[in-house]
Structure formats: structure tokens, C-alpha cells
Amino acid sequence: GPTRLPAETLAGKTALHLAANMTPEIVTLLLLHPSTQTSAPEILNCRDRNGITPLSIAVRNRNLEIVETLLQHPDIDVNLPDNNMQTPLQMLAERIPTTKIEETIRLASALLHHPSIQPNLINKSGDTLLHSVIKKSPLLHRATGVNWQLVAFLAKNAKINPNVRDAAGWTPLQIALKHADRRDQAKAIAITALLMNPNIDPNLPGPDGCTPVWQGMEDR
């Protein structure tokens, strides 16, 4: 298996885990090392004691160059979850910046372009990435409000299934329509993007029995 660094304080991290906090050049050197070549899948996809992979670290750090370097490796598993069932893609819902949202969108684009990506997996809370970005949960969304620009970007991707229900039975569209800032133009654009998603079923009722159309009429 992959050689782990001996210090207990490193919580089961490998050299690649630590390199994911540094520069893409160091990551590349590690990936090209002969010992990595012989056991690449184990090293690339090794999880520390919290279940976190080097790719998740790079995503959490918003380091696009390292993310792209790791994604180019044929043995990378882009969907490995941590102990909270959060995949690298779902890490994007943590600490969404109120500025420079373009960086987060570029990261989402890189991950969504990977042929093996599964963007509709649910985490320990029962949420997909799209649920997590829309909700105002302090654990999943540290910004002051929902970043509707990111919601719109995700909603336009054909790999995203906007009909997945969360643990309470709500779809992302239903949650978005229930959101308080009803006159927000960015929110209107995001909801339009959700409705234009090729997979959308706008007539799915929520746990209260109301469909999104009925919710929209109530909001008028």
C-alpha cells in the first residue's frame, strides 16, 4: 500500500496529501516518481483518517492547477467520499466565497468534465451538491447568502439531476422557490436555468403536496 508519513499528527496522510496543499509542480513530481507509478491507484486515491483524498484537499483549497493535474491521471477516482460522504465535487459547497466565484465555477467545470464524475451522489445529510449550494446551512454554506451564479452554472449541466430529493423530500427547484429573496434577479436566472435543465420534472410534488408551479403562484 502507499507509504504513510510516520507522525501520528498527520492523521494518516501520505506525501501526496501534503503536496495537494502546495504546488502543482510538486504534485507532478510525486506522480512521476517510480514508486508512484507502481502503485498509482492506491496512492492517488488514498484516504486519510477523515476519509479525505488528495483531490478533495486540492478542491477544498480552490487550487485549480493541482485539481487539473490530478484529474489528468487515468487512475484517479473522482467520486471517493470522505467520512461525511462528501465527494471532492461536494467540497465545492464548503466555504463558498462571496467574491471570485469564477474560481469555484472553473473548479466545478473541471470536475464535471471528468468522464467518471457522479454529480448527484448524496452526502451524510442527504443532500446532493445542488441541494447544498442552495441551502443556507452553516455547515454546508459559510457565505452570507446563496450564490445563485453557481447554482445557475450547475443547473445548466446535463449531468446534474435536479429531481433528486433531499432527506426531507425536497428537490433543489422546490428549495430554491421557497427561498426568501424572491426579488433577486440572480435567483430568477438560476431558477430559469433549473427549469431548462434537460432532466427537470417541474411537476414533482414536494412533501407538502405542492408542485413547483403551485409554489410559484403562491409567491406572486
C-alpha atoms as a PDB file:
ATOM      1  CA  GLY A   1       0.000   0.000   0.000  1.00  0.00           C
ATOM      2  CA  PRO A   2       1.012   3.692  -0.085  1.00  0.00           C
ATOM      3  CA  THR A   3       3.733   4.761   2.310  1.00  0.00           C
ATOM      4  CA  ARG A   4       2.223   6.882   5.062  1.00  0.00           C
ATOM      5  CA  LEU A   5       4.222   9.506   6.886  1.00  0.00           C
ATOM      6  CA  PRO A   6       5.060   8.291  10.396  1.00  0.00           C
ATOM      7  CA  ALA A   7       3.931  11.191  12.576  1.00  0.00           C
ATOM      8  CA  GLU A   8       0.569  10.497  14.210  1.00  0.00           C
ATOM      9  CA  THR A   9      -0.335  14.176  13.998  1.00  0.00           C
ATOM     10  CA  LEU A  10      -0.560  13.804  10.210  1.00  0.00           C
ATOM     11  CA  ALA A  11      -3.671  11.668  10.690  1.00  0.00           C
ATOM     12  CA  GLY A  12      -2.876   9.025   8.110  1.00  0.00           C
ATOM     13  CA  LYS A  13      -1.861  11.415   5.351  1.00  0.00           C
ATOM     14  CA  THR A  14       0.520  10.407   2.577  1.00  0.00           C
ATOM     15  CA  ALA A  15       3.093  12.643   0.895  1.00  0.00           C
ATOM     16  CA  LEU A  16       0.544  13.309  -1.860  1.00  0.00           C
ATOM     17  CA  HIS A  17      -1.982  14.580   0.710  1.00  0.00           C
ATOM     18  CA  LEU A  18       0.580  17.134   1.871  1.00  0.00           C
ATOM     19  CA  ALA A  19       1.639  18.006  -1.677  1.00  0.00           C
ATOM     20  CA  ALA A  20      -2.001  18.818  -2.513  1.00  0.00           C
ATOM     21  CA  ASN A  21      -1.579  21.817  -0.187  1.00  0.00           C
ATOM     22  CA  MET A  22       1.473  23.053  -2.107  1.00  0.00           C
ATOM     23  CA  THR A  23       2.150  23.477  -5.834  1.00  0.00           C
ATOM     24  CA  PRO A  24       1.210  21.525  -8.980  1.00  0.00           C
ATOM     25  CA  GLU A  25       4.924  21.048  -9.727  1.00  0.00           C
ATOM     26  CA  ILE A  26       5.434  19.070  -6.509  1.00  0.00           C
ATOM     27  CA  VAL A  27       2.313  17.001  -7.208  1.00  0.00           C
ATOM     28  CA  THR A  28       3.591  16.245 -10.717  1.00  0.00           C
ATOM     29  CA  LEU A  29       6.996  15.171  -9.394  1.00  0.00           C
ATOM     30  CA  LEU A  30       5.343  12.811  -6.929  1.00  0.00           C
ATOM     31  CA  LEU A  31       3.099  11.340  -9.631  1.00  0.00           C
ATOM     32  CA  LEU A  32       6.112  10.768 -11.886  1.00  0.00           C
ATOM     33  CA  HIS A  33       8.173   9.096  -9.171  1.00  0.00           C
ATOM     34  CA  PRO A  34       8.830   5.395  -9.943  1.00  0.00           C
ATOM     35  CA  SER A  35       7.297   4.233  -6.651  1.00  0.00           C
ATOM     36  CA  THR A  36       4.088   6.100  -7.527  1.00  0.00           C
ATOM     37  CA  GLN A  37       3.981   4.523 -10.966  1.00  0.00           C
ATOM     38  CA  THR A  38       3.926   1.017  -9.483  1.00  0.00           C
ATOM     39  CA  SER A  39       1.015   1.664  -7.094  1.00  0.00           C
ATOM     40  CA  ALA A  40      -0.657   4.755  -8.579  1.00  0.00           C
ATOM     41  CA  PRO A  41      -4.308   3.888  -7.813  1.00  0.00           C
ATOM     42  CA  GLU A  42      -3.608   3.317  -4.113  1.00  0.00           C
ATOM     43  CA  ILE A  43      -1.554   6.494  -3.752  1.00  0.00           C
ATOM     44  CA  LEU A  44      -3.854   8.744  -5.779  1.00  0.00           C
ATOM     45  CA  ASN A  45      -6.987   7.551  -4.016  1.00  0.00           C
ATOM     46  CA  CYS A  46      -5.607   7.022  -0.520  1.00  0.00           C
ATOM     47  CA  ARG A  47      -7.903   8.440   2.176  1.00  0.00           C
ATOM     48  CA  ASP A  48      -6.629   9.837   5.464  1.00  0.00           C
ATOM     49  CA  ARG A  49      -8.336   9.159   8.804  1.00  0.00           C
ATOM     50  CA  ASN A  50     -11.128  11.566   7.880  1.00  0.00           C
ATOM     51  CA  GLY A  51     -11.591   9.799   4.561  1.00  0.00           C
ATOM     52  CA  ILE A  52     -10.190  12.754   2.630  1.00  0.00           C
ATOM     53  CA  THR A  53      -8.259  12.181  -0.603  1.00  0.00           C
ATOM     54  CA  PRO A  54      -5.576  14.443  -2.123  1.00  0.00           C
ATOM     55  CA  LEU A  55      -8.147  15.530  -4.731  1.00  0.00           C
ATOM     56  CA  SER A  56     -10.573  16.632  -2.003  1.00  0.00           C
ATOM     57  CA  ILE A  57      -7.807  18.668  -0.374  1.00  0.00           C
ATOM     58  CA  ALA A  58      -6.995  20.400  -3.663  1.00  0.00           C
ATOM     59  CA  VAL A  59     -10.691  21.180  -4.242  1.00  0.00           C
ATOM     60  CA  ARG A  60     -11.130  22.483  -0.697  1.00  0.00           C
ATOM     61  CA  ASN A  61      -8.094  24.746  -1.206  1.00  0.00           C
ATOM     62  CA  ARG A  62      -9.540  26.005  -4.511  1.00  0.00           C
ATOM     63  CA  ASN A  63      -6.284  25.042  -6.260  1.00  0.00           C
ATOM     64  CA  LEU A  64      -7.383  24.585  -9.867  1.00  0.00           C
ATOM     65  CA  GLU A  65      -3.908  23.672 -11.187  1.00  0.00           C
ATOM     66  CA  ILE A  66      -3.486  20.795  -8.740  1.00  0.00           C
ATOM     67  CA  VAL A  67      -7.067  19.625  -9.333  1.00  0.00           C
ATOM     68  CA  GLU A  68      -6.432  19.541 -13.095  1.00  0.00           C
ATOM     69  CA  THR A  69      -3.101  17.735 -12.581  1.00  0.00           C
ATOM     70  CA  LEU A  70      -4.787  15.021 -10.504  1.00  0.00           C
ATOM     71  CA  LEU A  71      -7.768  14.740 -12.866  1.00  0.00           C
ATOM     72  CA  GLN A  72      -5.451  14.015 -15.789  1.00  0.00           C
ATOM     73  CA  HIS A  73      -4.195  10.826 -14.153  1.00  0.00           C
ATOM     74  CA  PRO A  74      -6.014   7.754 -15.535  1.00  0.00           C
ATOM     75  CA  ASP A  75      -6.188   6.059 -12.110  1.00  0.00           C
ATOM     76  CA  ILE A  76      -7.896   8.899 -10.239  1.00  0.00           C
ATOM     77  CA  ASP A  77     -11.233   8.084  -8.557  1.00  0.00           C
ATOM     78  CA  VAL A  78     -13.106  11.385  -8.656  1.00  0.00           C
ATOM     79  CA  ASN A  79     -16.064  10.170  -6.584  1.00  0.00           C
ATOM     80  CA  LEU A  80     -14.387   8.835  -3.425  1.00  0.00           C
ATOM     81  CA  PRO A  81     -16.279  10.271  -0.433  1.00  0.00           C
ATOM     82  CA  ASP A  82     -14.880  11.274   2.932  1.00  0.00           C
ATOM     83  CA  ASN A  83     -16.300  10.103   6.260  1.00  0.00           C
ATOM     84  CA  ASN A  84     -19.223  12.527   5.829  1.00  0.00           C
ATOM     85  CA  MET A  85     -19.982  11.009   2.420  1.00  0.00           C
ATOM     86  CA  GLN A  86     -18.800  14.205   0.738  1.00  0.00           C
ATOM     87  CA  THR A  87     -17.125  13.686  -2.633  1.00  0.00           C
ATOM     88  CA  PRO A  88     -14.472  16.082  -3.971  1.00  0.00           C
ATOM     89  CA  LEU A  89     -17.186  17.753  -6.069  1.00  0.00           C
ATOM     90  CA  GLN A  90     -19.367  18.259  -2.994  1.00  0.00           C
ATOM     91  CA  MET A  91     -16.430  20.002  -1.304  1.00  0.00           C
ATOM     92  CA  LEU A  92     -17.304  22.962  -3.519  1.00  0.00           C
ATOM     93  CA  ALA A  93     -20.298  23.644  -1.269  1.00  0.00           C
ATOM     94  CA  GLU A  94     -17.982  24.327   1.678  1.00  0.00           C
ATOM     95  CA  ARG A  95     -16.921  27.920   2.298  1.00  0.00           C
ATOM     96  CA  ILE A  96     -18.264  29.299  -0.982  1.00  0.00           C
ATOM     97  CA  PRO A  97     -16.559  32.687  -1.407  1.00  0.00           C
ATOM     98  CA  THR A  98     -18.696  35.787  -1.775  1.00  0.00           C
ATOM     99  CA  THR A  99     -16.111  37.118  -4.240  1.00  0.00           C
ATOM    100  CA  LYS A 100     -14.143  35.440  -7.033  1.00  0.00           C
ATOM    101  CA  ILE A 101     -16.959  32.970  -7.632  1.00  0.00           C
ATOM    102  CA  GLU A 102     -15.416  32.397 -11.080  1.00  0.00           C
ATOM    103  CA  GLU A 103     -12.671  30.314  -9.409  1.00  0.00           C
ATOM    104  CA  THR A 104     -15.265  27.978  -7.900  1.00  0.00           C
ATOM    105  CA  ILE A 105     -17.098  27.746 -11.236  1.00  0.00           C
ATOM    106  CA  ARG A 106     -13.846  26.818 -13.025  1.00  0.00           C
ATOM    107  CA  LEU A 107     -13.248  24.092 -10.445  1.00  0.00           C
ATOM    108  CA  ALA A 108     -16.795  22.787 -10.887  1.00  0.00           C
ATOM    109  CA  SER A 109     -16.317  22.791 -14.655  1.00  0.00           C
ATOM    110  CA  ALA A 110     -13.065  20.805 -14.432  1.00  0.00           C
ATOM    111  CA  LEU A 111     -14.654  18.176 -12.189  1.00  0.00           C
ATOM    112  CA  LEU A 112     -17.889  17.928 -14.177  1.00  0.00           C
ATOM    113  CA  HIS A 113     -15.938  17.380 -17.399  1.00  0.00           C
ATOM    114  CA  HIS A 114     -14.338  14.239 -15.996  1.00  0.00           C
ATOM    115  CA  PRO A 115     -15.964  11.217 -17.685  1.00  0.00           C
ATOM    116  CA  SER A 116     -16.400   9.300 -14.408  1.00  0.00           C
ATOM    117  CA  ILE A 117     -17.927  12.116 -12.348  1.00  0.00           C
ATOM    118  CA  GLN A 118     -21.158  11.327 -10.478  1.00  0.00           C
ATOM    119  CA  PRO A 119     -22.549  14.742  -9.508  1.00  0.00           C
ATOM    120  CA  ASN A 120     -25.820  13.512  -7.980  1.00  0.00           C
ATOM    121  CA  LEU A 121     -24.431  11.477  -5.075  1.00  0.00           C
ATOM    122  CA  ILE A 122     -25.808  12.395  -1.652  1.00  0.00           C
ATOM    123  CA  ASN A 123     -23.788  13.209   1.446  1.00  0.00           C
ATOM    124  CA  LYS A 124     -24.402  12.215   5.057  1.00  0.00           C
ATOM    125  CA  SER A 125     -27.083  14.916   5.363  1.00  0.00           C
ATOM    126  CA  GLY A 126     -28.971  13.518   2.385  1.00  0.00           C
ATOM    127  CA  ASP A 127     -28.046  16.377   0.045  1.00  0.00           C
ATOM    128  CA  THR A 128     -26.584  16.489  -3.439  1.00  0.00           C
ATOM    129  CA  LEU A 129     -24.155  19.248  -4.401  1.00  0.00           C
ATOM    130  CA  LEU A 130     -27.028  21.269  -5.852  1.00  0.00           C
ATOM    131  CA  HIS A 131     -29.038  20.974  -2.618  1.00  0.00           C
ATOM    132  CA  SER A 132     -26.014  22.003  -0.560  1.00  0.00           C
ATOM    133  CA  VAL A 133     -25.248  25.094  -2.627  1.00  0.00           C
ATOM    134  CA  ILE A 134     -28.856  26.313  -2.468  1.00  0.00           C
ATOM    135  CA  LYS A 135     -29.406  25.735   1.246  1.00  0.00           C
ATOM    136  CA  LYS A 136     -28.365  28.271   3.860  1.00  0.00           C
ATOM    137  CA  SER A 137     -26.900  25.679   6.240  1.00  0.00           C
ATOM    138  CA  PRO A 138     -23.986  26.940   8.372  1.00  0.00           C
ATOM    139  CA  LEU A 139     -22.292  23.557   7.937  1.00  0.00           C
ATOM    140  CA  LEU A 140     -22.603  23.490   4.158  1.00  0.00           C
ATOM    141  CA  HIS A 141     -22.660  27.132   3.176  1.00  0.00           C
ATOM    142  CA  ARG A 142     -20.497  29.663   5.023  1.00  0.00           C
ATOM    143  CA  ALA A 143     -21.368  32.668   2.843  1.00  0.00           C
ATOM    144  CA  THR A 144     -23.968  35.267   3.829  1.00  0.00           C
ATOM    145  CA  GLY A 145     -26.393  34.069   1.168  1.00  0.00           C
ATOM    146  CA  VAL A 146     -26.864  31.639  -1.657  1.00  0.00           C
ATOM    147  CA  ASN A 147     -24.591  32.227  -4.620  1.00  0.00           C
ATOM    148  CA  TRP A 148     -27.153  31.935  -7.383  1.00  0.00           C
ATOM    149  CA  GLN A 149     -24.481  32.318 -10.081  1.00  0.00           C
ATOM    150  CA  LEU A 150     -23.011  28.967  -9.029  1.00  0.00           C
ATOM    151  CA  VAL A 151     -26.494  27.425  -8.836  1.00  0.00           C
ATOM    152  CA  ALA A 152     -27.200  28.593 -12.411  1.00  0.00           C
ATOM    153  CA  PHE A 153     -23.907  27.151 -13.665  1.00  0.00           C
ATOM    154  CA  LEU A 154     -24.598  23.754 -12.089  1.00  0.00           C
ATOM    155  CA  ALA A 155     -28.214  23.702 -13.245  1.00  0.00           C
ATOM    156  CA  LYS A 156     -27.155  24.123 -16.884  1.00  0.00           C
ATOM    157  CA  ASN A 157     -25.060  20.943 -16.799  1.00  0.00           C
ATOM    158  CA  ALA A 158     -26.820  17.936 -18.314  1.00  0.00           C
ATOM    159  CA  LYS A 159     -25.095  15.585 -15.839  1.00  0.00           C
ATOM    160  CA  ILE A 160     -26.940  17.266 -12.964  1.00  0.00           C
ATOM    161  CA  ASN A 161     -30.236  15.634 -11.979  1.00  0.00           C
ATOM    162  CA  PRO A 162     -32.392  18.366 -10.408  1.00  0.00           C
ATOM    163  CA  ASN A 163     -35.104  15.869  -9.436  1.00  0.00           C
ATOM    164  CA  VAL A 164     -33.163  14.184  -6.618  1.00  0.00           C
ATOM    165  CA  ARG A 165     -34.899  14.714  -3.282  1.00  0.00           C
ATOM    166  CA  ASP A 166     -33.086  15.573  -0.073  1.00  0.00           C
ATOM    167  CA  ALA A 167     -33.632  13.753   3.231  1.00  0.00           C
ATOM    168  CA  ALA A 168     -36.827  15.753   3.815  1.00  0.00           C
ATOM    169  CA  GLY A 169     -38.165  15.041   0.332  1.00  0.00           C
ATOM    170  CA  TRP A 170     -37.448  18.381  -1.378  1.00  0.00           C
ATOM    171  CA  THR A 171     -35.872  18.848  -4.799  1.00  0.00           C
ATOM    172  CA  PRO A 172     -33.396  21.693  -5.478  1.00  0.00           C
ATOM    173  CA  LEU A 173     -36.036  23.565  -7.523  1.00  0.00           C
ATOM    174  CA  GLN A 174     -38.552  23.379  -4.676  1.00  0.00           C
ATOM    175  CA  ILE A 175     -35.973  24.645  -2.172  1.00  0.00           C
ATOM    176  CA  ALA A 176     -34.974  27.481  -4.495  1.00  0.00           C
ATOM    177  CA  LEU A 177     -38.597  28.566  -4.904  1.00  0.00           C
ATOM    178  CA  LYS A 178     -39.085  28.542  -1.116  1.00  0.00           C
ATOM    179  CA  HIS A 179     -36.037  30.748  -0.587  1.00  0.00           C
ATOM    180  CA  ALA A 180     -36.694  34.133   0.992  1.00  0.00           C
ATOM    181  CA  ASP A 181     -35.027  36.503  -1.520  1.00  0.00           C
ATOM    182  CA  ARG A 182     -37.788  36.283  -4.104  1.00  0.00           C
ATOM    183  CA  ARG A 183     -36.977  39.524  -5.962  1.00  0.00           C
ATOM    184  CA  ASP A 184     -33.323  38.635  -6.514  1.00  0.00           C
ATOM    185  CA  GLN A 185     -32.596  38.775 -10.259  1.00  0.00           C
ATOM    186  CA  ALA A 186     -29.700  36.316  -9.918  1.00  0.00           C
ATOM    187  CA  LYS A 187     -32.078  33.869  -8.250  1.00  0.00           C
ATOM    188  CA  ALA A 188     -34.555  34.252 -11.109  1.00  0.00           C
ATOM    189  CA  ILE A 189     -31.775  33.411 -13.584  1.00  0.00           C
ATOM    190  CA  ALA A 190     -30.827  30.342 -11.512  1.00  0.00           C
ATOM    191  CA  ILE A 191     -34.431  29.108 -11.378  1.00  0.00           C
ATOM    192  CA  THR A 192     -34.714  29.612 -15.145  1.00  0.00           C
ATOM    193  CA  ALA A 193     -31.559  27.502 -15.573  1.00  0.00           C
ATOM    194  CA  LEU A 194     -33.086  24.789 -13.361  1.00  0.00           C
ATOM    195  CA  LEU A 195     -36.263  24.783 -15.452  1.00  0.00           C
ATOM    196  CA  MET A 196     -34.215  24.495 -18.654  1.00  0.00           C
ATOM    197  CA  ASN A 197     -32.210  21.518 -17.399  1.00  0.00           C
ATOM    198  CA  PRO A 198     -32.996  18.628 -19.770  1.00  0.00           C
ATOM    199  CA  ASN A 199     -33.658  16.287 -16.827  1.00  0.00           C
ATOM    200  CA  ILE A 200     -36.084  18.529 -14.927  1.00  0.00           C
ATOM    201  CA  ASP A 201     -39.548  17.327 -13.922  1.00  0.00           C
ATOM    202  CA  PRO A 202     -41.272  20.568 -12.841  1.00  0.00           C
ATOM    203  CA  ASN A 203     -44.407  18.739 -11.728  1.00  0.00           C
ATOM    204  CA  LEU A 204     -42.872  16.716  -8.916  1.00  0.00           C
ATOM    205  CA  PRO A 205     -44.781  17.484  -5.704  1.00  0.00           C
ATOM    206  CA  GLY A 206     -42.920  18.357  -2.526  1.00  0.00           C
ATOM    207  CA  PRO A 207     -43.561  16.772   0.894  1.00  0.00           C
ATOM    208  CA  ASP A 208     -46.403  19.285   1.329  1.00  0.00           C
ATOM    209  CA  GLY A 209     -48.078  18.016  -1.843  1.00  0.00           C
ATOM    210  CA  CYS A 210     -47.454  21.248  -3.779  1.00  0.00           C
ATOM    211  CA  THR A 211     -45.761  21.269  -7.176  1.00  0.00           C
ATOM    212  CA  PRO A 212     -43.199  23.961  -8.134  1.00  0.00           C
ATOM    213  CA  VAL A 213     -45.861  25.577 -10.375  1.00  0.00           C
ATOM    214  CA  TRP A 214     -48.162  25.942  -7.363  1.00  0.00           C
ATOM    215  CA  GLN A 215     -45.279  27.279  -5.273  1.00  0.00           C
ATOM    216  CA  GLY A 216     -44.549  29.880  -7.964  1.00  0.00           C
ATOM    217  CA  MET A 217     -48.178  31.016  -7.968  1.00  0.00           C
ATOM    218  CA  GLU A 218     -48.149  31.356  -4.176  1.00  0.00           C
ATOM    219  CA  ASP A 219     -45.052  33.559  -4.388  1.00  0.00           C
ATOM    220  CA  ARG A 220     -46.691  36.055  -6.710  1.00  0.00           C
END
